[in-house]
Amino acid sequence: MANLLKIQTSLFQQDGQSSRLADSFASQWLEKNPGGTVTSRDLAAQPVPHLDMERFQAFTTPEEERTPAQRAVADFSQALIDEISAADVLVLGVPMYNFSVPSTLSTYFDHIARAGITFRYTPDGPQGLLTGKKAVVFITRGGIYGEDHAQTAYIRQMLGFIGITDVELIHAEGLAVGEDSRQQALESAQQKMALAAQAA
Protein backbone atom coordinates (compact mmCIF):
# COMPACT_ATOMS: atom_id res chain seq x y z
CA MET A 1 0.00 0.00 0.00
CA ALA A 2 1.41 3.38 -1.02
CA ASN A 3 1.94 5.98 1.71
CA LEU A 4 2.22 9.74 1.37
CA LEU A 5 3.68 11.96 4.10
CA LYS A 6 2.34 15.52 4.01
CA ILE A 7 4.37 18.12 5.91
CA GLN A 8 2.98 21.62 6.42
CA THR A 9 5.09 24.48 7.75
CA SER A 10 2.97 27.61 7.30
CA LEU A 11 2.33 29.60 10.48
CA PHE A 12 -1.20 30.05 9.11
CA GLN A 13 -1.54 26.25 9.25
CA GLN A 14 -4.44 25.07 7.04
CA ASP A 15 -5.10 28.58 5.75
CA GLY A 16 -1.59 29.06 4.35
CA GLN A 17 -1.28 28.92 0.56
CA SER A 18 1.51 26.34 0.78
CA SER A 19 -0.69 24.17 3.03
CA ARG A 20 -3.61 24.45 0.63
CA LEU A 21 -1.43 23.37 -2.27
CA ALA A 22 -0.05 20.43 -0.30
CA ASP A 23 -3.58 19.42 0.73
CA SER A 24 -4.82 19.58 -2.85
CA PHE A 25 -1.89 17.48 -4.04
CA ALA A 26 -2.61 14.86 -1.36
CA SER A 27 -6.27 14.70 -2.43
CA GLN A 28 -5.35 14.24 -6.10
CA TRP A 29 -2.74 11.64 -5.17
CA LEU A 30 -5.38 9.70 -3.22
CA GLU A 31 -7.67 9.71 -6.25
CA LYS A 32 -4.90 8.05 -8.23
CA ASN A 33 -3.98 5.75 -5.30
CA PRO A 34 -7.36 4.85 -3.74
CA GLY A 35 -5.78 2.27 -1.45
CA GLY A 36 -3.06 4.64 -0.30
CA THR A 37 -2.71 6.37 3.04
CA VAL A 38 -1.82 9.96 3.89
CA THR A 39 0.07 10.80 7.06
CA SER A 40 -0.01 14.50 8.00
CA ARG A 41 2.44 16.49 10.10
CA ASP A 42 1.82 20.15 10.82
CA LEU A 43 5.05 21.66 12.09
CA ALA A 44 3.34 24.93 13.03
CA ALA A 45 0.72 23.22 15.20
CA GLN A 46 3.25 20.76 16.67
CA PRO A 47 6.73 22.28 16.26
CA VAL A 48 9.84 20.17 16.67
CA PRO A 49 12.08 21.52 19.47
CA HIS A 50 15.21 23.39 18.50
CA LEU A 51 18.37 21.33 18.60
CA ASP A 52 20.51 22.11 21.65
CA MET A 53 23.48 20.41 23.29
CA GLU A 54 21.34 18.15 25.46
CA ARG A 55 19.28 16.91 22.51
CA PHE A 56 22.39 16.39 20.37
CA GLN A 57 24.08 14.43 23.15
CA ALA A 58 21.01 12.23 23.42
CA PHE A 59 21.45 11.32 19.74
CA THR A 60 25.15 10.52 20.11
CA THR A 61 25.01 8.63 23.41
CA PRO A 62 24.90 4.83 22.93
CA GLU A 63 21.38 3.52 23.43
CA GLU A 64 22.26 1.40 26.47
CA GLU A 65 23.85 4.42 28.20
CA ARG A 66 21.04 6.94 27.70
CA THR A 67 19.23 8.44 30.64
CA PRO A 68 15.41 8.35 30.64
CA ALA A 69 15.38 11.96 29.40
CA GLN A 70 17.82 11.11 26.61
CA ARG A 71 15.76 8.08 25.62
CA ALA A 72 12.69 10.28 25.29
CA VAL A 73 14.57 12.67 23.00
CA ALA A 74 16.00 9.86 20.88
CA ASP A 75 12.62 8.13 20.68
CA PHE A 76 10.98 11.35 19.47
CA SER A 77 13.59 11.69 16.73
CA GLN A 78 13.20 8.04 15.77
CA ALA A 79 9.42 8.43 15.49
CA LEU A 80 9.94 11.24 12.95
CA ILE A 81 12.44 9.08 11.06
CA ASP A 82 10.10 6.07 11.07
CA GLU A 83 7.35 8.30 9.68
CA ILE A 84 9.39 9.54 6.71
CA SER A 85 10.97 6.12 6.18
CA ALA A 86 7.51 4.59 5.72
CA ALA A 87 6.54 7.14 3.07
CA ASP A 88 6.76 6.44 -0.64
CA VAL A 89 5.92 10.04 -1.52
CA LEU A 90 6.70 13.18 0.46
CA VAL A 91 4.85 16.45 -0.09
CA LEU A 92 5.94 19.65 1.64
CA GLY A 93 4.23 23.02 1.83
CA VAL A 94 6.96 25.61 2.42
CA PRO A 95 6.44 29.38 2.51
CA MET A 96 9.36 31.78 2.39
CA TYR A 97 10.05 33.57 5.66
CA ASN A 98 12.88 36.10 5.70
CA PHE A 99 14.42 34.62 2.53
CA SER A 100 14.54 31.08 3.95
CA VAL A 101 12.39 28.19 5.13
CA PRO A 102 10.31 28.38 8.32
CA SER A 103 12.50 27.59 11.34
CA THR A 104 10.15 24.71 12.15
CA LEU A 105 11.28 22.92 8.99
CA SER A 106 14.92 23.48 9.84
CA THR A 107 14.46 21.93 13.29
CA TYR A 108 12.60 19.03 11.68
CA PHE A 109 15.60 18.38 9.44
CA ASP A 110 17.86 18.61 12.51
CA HIS A 111 15.98 15.69 14.05
CA ILE A 112 15.81 13.42 10.99
CA ALA A 113 19.36 13.94 9.67
CA ARG A 114 21.02 11.31 11.86
CA ALA A 115 24.39 9.76 11.08
CA GLY A 116 24.14 6.00 10.66
CA ILE A 117 20.34 6.15 10.43
CA THR A 118 19.30 8.44 7.56
CA PHE A 119 22.79 9.09 6.17
CA ARG A 120 26.29 7.74 6.58
CA TYR A 121 29.77 9.11 6.07
CA THR A 122 31.88 7.47 3.37
CA PRO A 123 35.33 8.21 1.87
CA ASP A 124 33.47 9.82 -1.02
CA GLY A 125 31.32 12.02 1.22
CA PRO A 126 27.93 11.66 2.94
CA GLN A 127 25.50 9.10 1.52
CA GLY A 128 21.77 9.40 2.10
CA LEU A 129 19.95 6.25 3.18
CA LEU A 130 16.28 7.17 2.59
CA THR A 131 16.36 6.28 -1.08
CA GLY A 132 13.61 5.35 -3.51
CA LYS A 133 11.24 8.15 -2.53
CA LYS A 134 9.61 10.97 -4.50
CA ALA A 135 9.27 14.47 -3.03
CA VAL A 136 7.03 17.27 -4.28
CA VAL A 137 7.65 20.65 -2.66
CA PHE A 138 5.33 23.65 -2.92
CA ILE A 139 7.21 26.87 -2.26
CA THR A 140 5.11 30.01 -1.80
CA ARG A 141 6.53 33.53 -1.76
CA GLY A 142 5.12 37.01 -1.48
CA GLY A 143 7.75 38.39 -3.84
CA ILE A 144 9.41 37.06 -6.96
CA TYR A 145 12.84 35.50 -6.51
CA GLY A 146 13.05 32.74 -9.10
CA GLU A 147 13.90 29.08 -8.78
CA ASP A 148 17.64 29.74 -8.45
CA HIS A 149 17.40 30.88 -4.83
CA ALA A 150 19.12 29.85 -1.60
CA GLN A 151 15.82 28.69 -0.11
CA THR A 152 15.20 26.31 -3.01
CA ALA A 153 18.80 25.08 -2.92
CA TYR A 154 18.60 24.40 0.83
CA ILE A 155 15.48 22.26 0.50
CA ARG A 156 16.96 20.25 -2.35
CA GLN A 157 20.27 19.86 -0.50
CA MET A 158 18.68 18.67 2.76
CA LEU A 159 16.42 16.16 1.04
CA GLY A 160 19.33 14.90 -1.04
CA PHE A 161 21.49 14.63 2.07
CA ILE A 162 19.16 11.98 3.49
CA GLY A 163 18.80 10.23 0.13
CA ILE A 164 15.73 11.84 -1.45
CA THR A 165 17.00 13.03 -4.82
CA ASP A 166 13.83 12.70 -6.90
CA VAL A 167 12.52 16.16 -5.98
CA GLU A 168 10.03 18.30 -7.87
CA LEU A 169 9.78 21.91 -6.74
CA ILE A 170 6.70 23.93 -7.65
CA HIS A 171 6.94 27.66 -6.98
CA ALA A 172 4.04 30.07 -6.48
CA GLU A 173 5.60 33.52 -6.37
CA GLY A 174 4.39 37.10 -6.31
CA LEU A 175 1.48 36.30 -4.00
CA ALA A 176 1.75 39.72 -2.33
CA VAL A 177 2.44 41.72 -5.52
CA GLY A 178 -1.19 42.08 -6.54
CA GLU A 179 -4.36 40.11 -7.15
CA ASP A 180 -3.54 39.35 -10.80
CA SER A 181 -0.05 38.13 -9.91
CA ARG A 182 -1.43 36.04 -7.07
CA GLN A 183 -4.09 34.36 -9.22
CA GLN A 184 -1.66 33.64 -12.05
CA ALA A 185 0.89 32.13 -9.68
CA LEU A 186 -1.64 29.89 -7.94
CA GLU A 187 -3.21 28.75 -11.20
CA SER A 188 0.22 27.88 -12.60
CA ALA A 189 1.09 25.95 -9.43
CA GLN A 190 -2.19 24.05 -9.57
CA GLN A 191 -1.58 23.05 -13.19
CA LYS A 192 1.88 21.77 -12.34
CA MET A 193 0.44 20.04 -9.29
CA ALA A 194 -2.05 18.07 -11.35
CA LEU A 195 0.77 16.72 -13.52
CA ALA A 196 2.92 15.93 -10.49
CA ALA A 197 0.07 14.09 -8.74
CA GLN A 198 -0.43 11.87 -11.78
CA ALA A 199 3.28 11.08 -11.97
CA ALA A 200 3.85 10.43 -8.26
C-alpha atoms as a PDB file:
ATOM      1  CA  MET A   1       0.000   0.000   0.000  1.00  0.00           C
ATOM      2  CA  ALA A   2       1.408   3.384  -1.021  1.00  0.00           C
ATOM      3  CA  ASN A   3       1.938   5.976   1.709  1.00  0.00           C
ATOM      4  CA  LEU A   4       2.223   9.745   1.367  1.00  0.00           C
ATOM      5  CA  LEU A   5       3.683  11.957   4.102  1.00  0.00           C
ATOM      6  CA  LYS A   6       2.342  15.519   4.011  1.00  0.00           C
ATOM      7  CA  ILE A   7       4.367  18.120   5.909  1.00  0.00           C
ATOM      8  CA  GLN A   8       2.979  21.620   6.420  1.00  0.00           C
ATOM      9  CA  THR A   9       5.090  24.480   7.751  1.00  0.00           C
ATOM     10  CA  SER A  10       2.965  27.610   7.304  1.00  0.00           C
ATOM     11  CA  LEU A  11       2.333  29.596  10.478  1.00  0.00           C
ATOM     12  CA  PHE A  12      -1.203  30.055   9.111  1.00  0.00           C
ATOM     13  CA  GLN A  13      -1.535  26.248   9.254  1.00  0.00           C
ATOM     14  CA  GLN A  14      -4.440  25.066   7.036  1.00  0.00           C
ATOM     15  CA  ASP A  15      -5.100  28.582   5.751  1.00  0.00           C
ATOM     16  CA  GLY A  16      -1.589  29.056   4.352  1.00  0.00           C
ATOM     17  CA  GLN A  17      -1.278  28.916   0.564  1.00  0.00           C
ATOM     18  CA  SER A  18       1.508  26.345   0.778  1.00  0.00           C
ATOM     19  CA  SER A  19      -0.689  24.173   3.032  1.00  0.00           C
ATOM     20  CA  ARG A  20      -3.614  24.449   0.630  1.00  0.00           C
ATOM     21  CA  LEU A  21      -1.428  23.373  -2.273  1.00  0.00           C
ATOM     22  CA  ALA A  22      -0.047  20.429  -0.302  1.00  0.00           C
ATOM     23  CA  ASP A  23      -3.578  19.421   0.732  1.00  0.00           C
ATOM     24  CA  SER A  24      -4.816  19.584  -2.847  1.00  0.00           C
ATOM     25  CA  PHE A  25      -1.891  17.476  -4.040  1.00  0.00           C
ATOM     26  CA  ALA A  26      -2.610  14.862  -1.364  1.00  0.00           C
ATOM     27  CA  SER A  27      -6.266  14.705  -2.428  1.00  0.00           C
ATOM     28  CA  GLN A  28      -5.351  14.243  -6.096  1.00  0.00           C
ATOM     29  CA  TRP A  29      -2.741  11.645  -5.169  1.00  0.00           C
ATOM     30  CA  LEU A  30      -5.382   9.701  -3.221  1.00  0.00           C
ATOM     31  CA  GLU A  31      -7.668   9.715  -6.252  1.00  0.00           C
ATOM     32  CA  LYS A  32      -4.895   8.046  -8.231  1.00  0.00           C
ATOM     33  CA  ASN A  33      -3.980   5.747  -5.304  1.00  0.00           C
ATOM     34  CA  PRO A  34      -7.361   4.846  -3.737  1.00  0.00           C
ATOM     35  CA  GLY A  35      -5.783   2.271  -1.447  1.00  0.00           C
ATOM     36  CA  GLY A  36      -3.064   4.635  -0.305  1.00  0.00           C
ATOM     37  CA  THR A  37      -2.713   6.373   3.035  1.00  0.00           C
ATOM     38  CA  VAL A  38      -1.822   9.961   3.893  1.00  0.00           C
ATOM     39  CA  THR A  39       0.066  10.804   7.062  1.00  0.00           C
ATOM     40  CA  SER A  40      -0.006  14.496   8.002  1.00  0.00           C
ATOM     41  CA  ARG A  41       2.440  16.486  10.098  1.00  0.00           C
ATOM     42  CA  ASP A  42       1.821  20.155  10.825  1.00  0.00           C
ATOM     43  CA  LEU A  43       5.054  21.663  12.088  1.00  0.00           C
ATOM     44  CA  ALA A  44       3.337  24.931  13.029  1.00  0.00           C
ATOM     45  CA  ALA A  45       0.720  23.216  15.204  1.00  0.00           C
ATOM     46  CA  GLN A  46       3.252  20.756  16.666  1.00  0.00           C
ATOM     47  CA  PRO A  47       6.732  22.277  16.263  1.00  0.00           C
ATOM     48  CA  VAL A  48       9.840  20.173  16.666  1.00  0.00           C
ATOM     49  CA  PRO A  49      12.079  21.524  19.475  1.00  0.00           C
ATOM     50  CA  HIS A  50      15.209  23.394  18.504  1.00  0.00           C
ATOM     51  CA  LEU A  51      18.374  21.331  18.601  1.00  0.00           C
ATOM     52  CA  ASP A  52      20.505  22.108  21.651  1.00  0.00           C
ATOM     53  CA  MET A  53      23.478  20.409  23.286  1.00  0.00           C
ATOM     54  CA  GLU A  54      21.344  18.151  25.462  1.00  0.00           C
ATOM     55  CA  ARG A  55      19.278  16.905  22.513  1.00  0.00           C
ATOM     56  CA  PHE A  56      22.386  16.391  20.367  1.00  0.00           C
ATOM     57  CA  GLN A  57      24.084  14.432  23.149  1.00  0.00           C
ATOM     58  CA  ALA A  58      21.008  12.228  23.415  1.00  0.00           C
ATOM     59  CA  PHE A  59      21.452  11.320  19.735  1.00  0.00           C
ATOM     60  CA  THR A  60      25.151  10.516  20.105  1.00  0.00           C
ATOM     61  CA  THR A  61      25.013   8.633  23.414  1.00  0.00           C
ATOM     62  CA  PRO A  62      24.897   4.829  22.934  1.00  0.00           C
ATOM     63  CA  GLU A  63      21.383   3.518  23.432  1.00  0.00           C
ATOM     64  CA  GLU A  64      22.256   1.404  26.467  1.00  0.00           C
ATOM     65  CA  GLU A  65      23.849   4.418  28.203  1.00  0.00           C
ATOM     66  CA  ARG A  66      21.037   6.942  27.700  1.00  0.00           C
ATOM     67  CA  THR A  67      19.235   8.445  30.636  1.00  0.00           C
ATOM     68  CA  PRO A  68      15.415   8.352  30.644  1.00  0.00           C
ATOM     69  CA  ALA A  69      15.383  11.960  29.403  1.00  0.00           C
ATOM     70  CA  GLN A  70      17.818  11.107  26.609  1.00  0.00           C
ATOM     71  CA  ARG A  71      15.755   8.082  25.616  1.00  0.00           C
ATOM     72  CA  ALA A  72      12.688  10.285  25.290  1.00  0.00           C
ATOM     73  CA  VAL A  73      14.574  12.672  22.995  1.00  0.00           C
ATOM     74  CA  ALA A  74      15.998   9.859  20.876  1.00  0.00           C
ATOM     75  CA  ASP A  75      12.615   8.126  20.681  1.00  0.00           C
ATOM     76  CA  PHE A  76      10.981  11.349  19.465  1.00  0.00           C
ATOM     77  CA  SER A  77      13.591  11.694  16.726  1.00  0.00           C
ATOM     78  CA  GLN A  78      13.204   8.041  15.769  1.00  0.00           C
ATOM     79  CA  ALA A  79       9.421   8.430  15.485  1.00  0.00           C
ATOM     80  CA  LEU A  80       9.941  11.236  12.952  1.00  0.00           C
ATOM     81  CA  ILE A  81      12.436   9.077  11.063  1.00  0.00           C
ATOM     82  CA  ASP A  82      10.100   6.068  11.069  1.00  0.00           C
ATOM     83  CA  GLU A  83       7.351   8.295   9.680  1.00  0.00           C
ATOM     84  CA  ILE A  84       9.386   9.541   6.715  1.00  0.00           C
ATOM     85  CA  SER A  85      10.973   6.125   6.182  1.00  0.00           C
ATOM     86  CA  ALA A  86       7.509   4.592   5.725  1.00  0.00           C
ATOM     87  CA  ALA A  87       6.537   7.142   3.068  1.00  0.00           C
ATOM     88  CA  ASP A  88       6.759   6.442  -0.638  1.00  0.00           C
ATOM     89  CA  VAL A  89       5.924  10.038  -1.516  1.00  0.00           C
ATOM     90  CA  LEU A  90       6.696  13.177   0.461  1.00  0.00           C
ATOM     91  CA  VAL A  91       4.854  16.454  -0.094  1.00  0.00           C
ATOM     92  CA  LEU A  92       5.938  19.650   1.642  1.00  0.00           C
ATOM     93  CA  GLY A  93       4.228  23.019   1.832  1.00  0.00           C
ATOM     94  CA  VAL A  94       6.957  25.609   2.419  1.00  0.00           C
ATOM     95  CA  PRO A  95       6.435  29.377   2.510  1.00  0.00           C
ATOM     96  CA  MET A  96       9.357  31.782   2.389  1.00  0.00           C
ATOM     97  CA  TYR A  97      10.049  33.570   5.663  1.00  0.00           C
ATOM     98  CA  ASN A  98      12.883  36.105   5.705  1.00  0.00           C
ATOM     99  CA  PHE A  99      14.421  34.617   2.534  1.00  0.00           C
ATOM    100  CA  SER A 100      14.540  31.084   3.949  1.00  0.00           C
ATOM    101  CA  VAL A 101      12.388  28.185   5.131  1.00  0.00           C
ATOM    102  CA  PRO A 102      10.314  28.383   8.323  1.00  0.00           C
ATOM    103  CA  SER A 103      12.496  27.588  11.335  1.00  0.00           C
ATOM    104  CA  THR A 104      10.154  24.710  12.153  1.00  0.00           C
ATOM    105  CA  LEU A 105      11.281  22.918   8.990  1.00  0.00           C
ATOM    106  CA  SER A 106      14.922  23.483   9.840  1.00  0.00           C
ATOM    107  CA  THR A 107      14.465  21.933  13.288  1.00  0.00           C
ATOM    108  CA  TYR A 108      12.601  19.026  11.685  1.00  0.00           C
ATOM    109  CA  PHE A 109      15.598  18.380   9.443  1.00  0.00           C
ATOM    110  CA  ASP A 110      17.864  18.609  12.506  1.00  0.00           C
ATOM    111  CA  HIS A 111      15.979  15.689  14.048  1.00  0.00           C
ATOM    112  CA  ILE A 112      15.814  13.422  10.991  1.00  0.00           C
ATOM    113  CA  ALA A 113      19.359  13.941   9.667  1.00  0.00           C
ATOM    114  CA  ARG A 114      21.017  11.310  11.862  1.00  0.00           C
ATOM    115  CA  ALA A 115      24.389   9.759  11.076  1.00  0.00           C
ATOM    116  CA  GLY A 116      24.136   6.000  10.657  1.00  0.00           C
ATOM    117  CA  ILE A 117      20.340   6.153  10.428  1.00  0.00           C
ATOM    118  CA  THR A 118      19.304   8.437   7.559  1.00  0.00           C
ATOM    119  CA  PHE A 119      22.791   9.088   6.168  1.00  0.00           C
ATOM    120  CA  ARG A 120      26.285   7.740   6.576  1.00  0.00           C
ATOM    121  CA  TYR A 121      29.767   9.105   6.071  1.00  0.00           C
ATOM    122  CA  THR A 122      31.879   7.471   3.366  1.00  0.00           C
ATOM    123  CA  PRO A 123      35.326   8.207   1.874  1.00  0.00           C
ATOM    124  CA  ASP A 124      33.467   9.825  -1.019  1.00  0.00           C
ATOM    125  CA  GLY A 125      31.324  12.025   1.217  1.00  0.00           C
ATOM    126  CA  PRO A 126      27.933  11.658   2.943  1.00  0.00           C
ATOM    127  CA  GLN A 127      25.500   9.105   1.517  1.00  0.00           C
ATOM    128  CA  GLY A 128      21.768   9.400   2.104  1.00  0.00           C
ATOM    129  CA  LEU A 129      19.954   6.246   3.181  1.00  0.00           C
ATOM    130  CA  LEU A 130      16.279   7.171   2.585  1.00  0.00           C
ATOM    131  CA  THR A 131      16.363   6.282  -1.085  1.00  0.00           C
ATOM    132  CA  GLY A 132      13.606   5.345  -3.515  1.00  0.00           C
ATOM    133  CA  LYS A 133      11.242   8.152  -2.534  1.00  0.00           C
ATOM    134  CA  LYS A 134       9.615  10.971  -4.497  1.00  0.00           C
ATOM    135  CA  ALA A 135       9.271  14.472  -3.030  1.00  0.00           C
ATOM    136  CA  VAL A 136       7.033  17.268  -4.277  1.00  0.00           C
ATOM    137  CA  VAL A 137       7.650  20.649  -2.656  1.00  0.00           C
ATOM    138  CA  PHE A 138       5.332  23.647  -2.916  1.00  0.00           C
ATOM    139  CA  ILE A 139       7.211  26.875  -2.263  1.00  0.00           C
ATOM    140  CA  THR A 140       5.114  30.006  -1.802  1.00  0.00           C
ATOM    141  CA  ARG A 141       6.531  33.528  -1.756  1.00  0.00           C
ATOM    142  CA  GLY A 142       5.116  37.008  -1.476  1.00  0.00           C
ATOM    143  CA  GLY A 143       7.754  38.395  -3.837  1.00  0.00           C
ATOM    144  CA  ILE A 144       9.409  37.064  -6.962  1.00  0.00           C
ATOM    145  CA  TYR A 145      12.838  35.496  -6.511  1.00  0.00           C
ATOM    146  CA  GLY A 146      13.053  32.741  -9.103  1.00  0.00           C
ATOM    147  CA  GLU A 147      13.904  29.082  -8.783  1.00  0.00           C
ATOM    148  CA  ASP A 148      17.641  29.738  -8.446  1.00  0.00           C
ATOM    149  CA  HIS A 149      17.402  30.879  -4.833  1.00  0.00           C
ATOM    150  CA  ALA A 150      19.115  29.847  -1.599  1.00  0.00           C
ATOM    151  CA  GLN A 151      15.816  28.685  -0.106  1.00  0.00           C
ATOM    152  CA  THR A 152      15.200  26.308  -3.006  1.00  0.00           C
ATOM    153  CA  ALA A 153      18.799  25.080  -2.916  1.00  0.00           C
ATOM    154  CA  TYR A 154      18.596  24.399   0.835  1.00  0.00           C
ATOM    155  CA  ILE A 155      15.478  22.259   0.495  1.00  0.00           C
ATOM    156  CA  ARG A 156      16.963  20.252  -2.353  1.00  0.00           C
ATOM    157  CA  GLN A 157      20.273  19.864  -0.502  1.00  0.00           C
ATOM    158  CA  MET A 158      18.685  18.672   2.760  1.00  0.00           C
ATOM    159  CA  LEU A 159      16.416  16.162   1.035  1.00  0.00           C
ATOM    160  CA  GLY A 160      19.333  14.902  -1.045  1.00  0.00           C
ATOM    161  CA  PHE A 161      21.491  14.628   2.073  1.00  0.00           C
ATOM    162  CA  ILE A 162      19.160  11.984   3.493  1.00  0.00           C
ATOM    163  CA  GLY A 163      18.800  10.227   0.133  1.00  0.00           C
ATOM    164  CA  ILE A 164      15.728  11.841  -1.450  1.00  0.00           C
ATOM    165  CA  THR A 165      17.004  13.031  -4.821  1.00  0.00           C
ATOM    166  CA  ASP A 166      13.828  12.695  -6.899  1.00  0.00           C
ATOM    167  CA  VAL A 167      12.522  16.155  -5.980  1.00  0.00           C
ATOM    168  CA  GLU A 168      10.026  18.297  -7.868  1.00  0.00           C
ATOM    169  CA  LEU A 169       9.784  21.913  -6.738  1.00  0.00           C
ATOM    170  CA  ILE A 170       6.701  23.926  -7.648  1.00  0.00           C
ATOM    171  CA  HIS A 171       6.941  27.659  -6.980  1.00  0.00           C
ATOM    172  CA  ALA A 172       4.038  30.074  -6.478  1.00  0.00           C
ATOM    173  CA  GLU A 173       5.600  33.521  -6.367  1.00  0.00           C
ATOM    174  CA  GLY A 174       4.391  37.096  -6.305  1.00  0.00           C
ATOM    175  CA  LEU A 175       1.482  36.298  -3.996  1.00  0.00           C
ATOM    176  CA  ALA A 176       1.747  39.721  -2.335  1.00  0.00           C
ATOM    177  CA  VAL A 177       2.441  41.717  -5.519  1.00  0.00           C
ATOM    178  CA  GLY A 178      -1.193  42.079  -6.536  1.00  0.00           C
ATOM    179  CA  GLU A 179      -4.359  40.107  -7.154  1.00  0.00           C
ATOM    180  CA  ASP A 180      -3.540  39.352 -10.800  1.00  0.00           C
ATOM    181  CA  SER A 181      -0.051  38.128  -9.911  1.00  0.00           C
ATOM    182  CA  ARG A 182      -1.435  36.035  -7.074  1.00  0.00           C
ATOM    183  CA  GLN A 183      -4.092  34.359  -9.221  1.00  0.00           C
ATOM    184  CA  GLN A 184      -1.662  33.644 -12.051  1.00  0.00           C
ATOM    185  CA  ALA A 185       0.893  32.134  -9.678  1.00  0.00           C
ATOM    186  CA  LEU A 186      -1.640  29.887  -7.942  1.00  0.00           C
ATOM    187  CA  GLU A 187      -3.215  28.748 -11.200  1.00  0.00           C
ATOM    188  CA  SER A 188       0.218  27.881 -12.598  1.00  0.00           C
ATOM    189  CA  ALA A 189       1.094  25.952  -9.433  1.00  0.00           C
ATOM    190  CA  GLN A 190      -2.191  24.049  -9.570  1.00  0.00           C
ATOM    191  CA  GLN A 191      -1.584  23.052 -13.190  1.00  0.00           C
ATOM    192  CA  LYS A 192       1.880  21.773 -12.343  1.00  0.00           C
ATOM    193  CA  MET A 193       0.441  20.037  -9.287  1.00  0.00           C
ATOM    194  CA  ALA A 194      -2.052  18.072 -11.352  1.00  0.00           C
ATOM    195  CA  LEU A 195       0.766  16.721 -13.523  1.00  0.00           C
ATOM    196  CA  ALA A 196       2.917  15.928 -10.490  1.00  0.00           C
ATOM    197  CA  ALA A 197       0.072  14.090  -8.736  1.00  0.00           C
ATOM    198  CA  GLN A 198      -0.432  11.874 -11.775  1.00  0.00           C
ATOM    199  CA  ALA A 199       3.278  11.085 -11.973  1.00  0.00           C
ATOM    200  CA  ALA A 200       3.845  10.430  -8.262  1.00  0.00           C
END
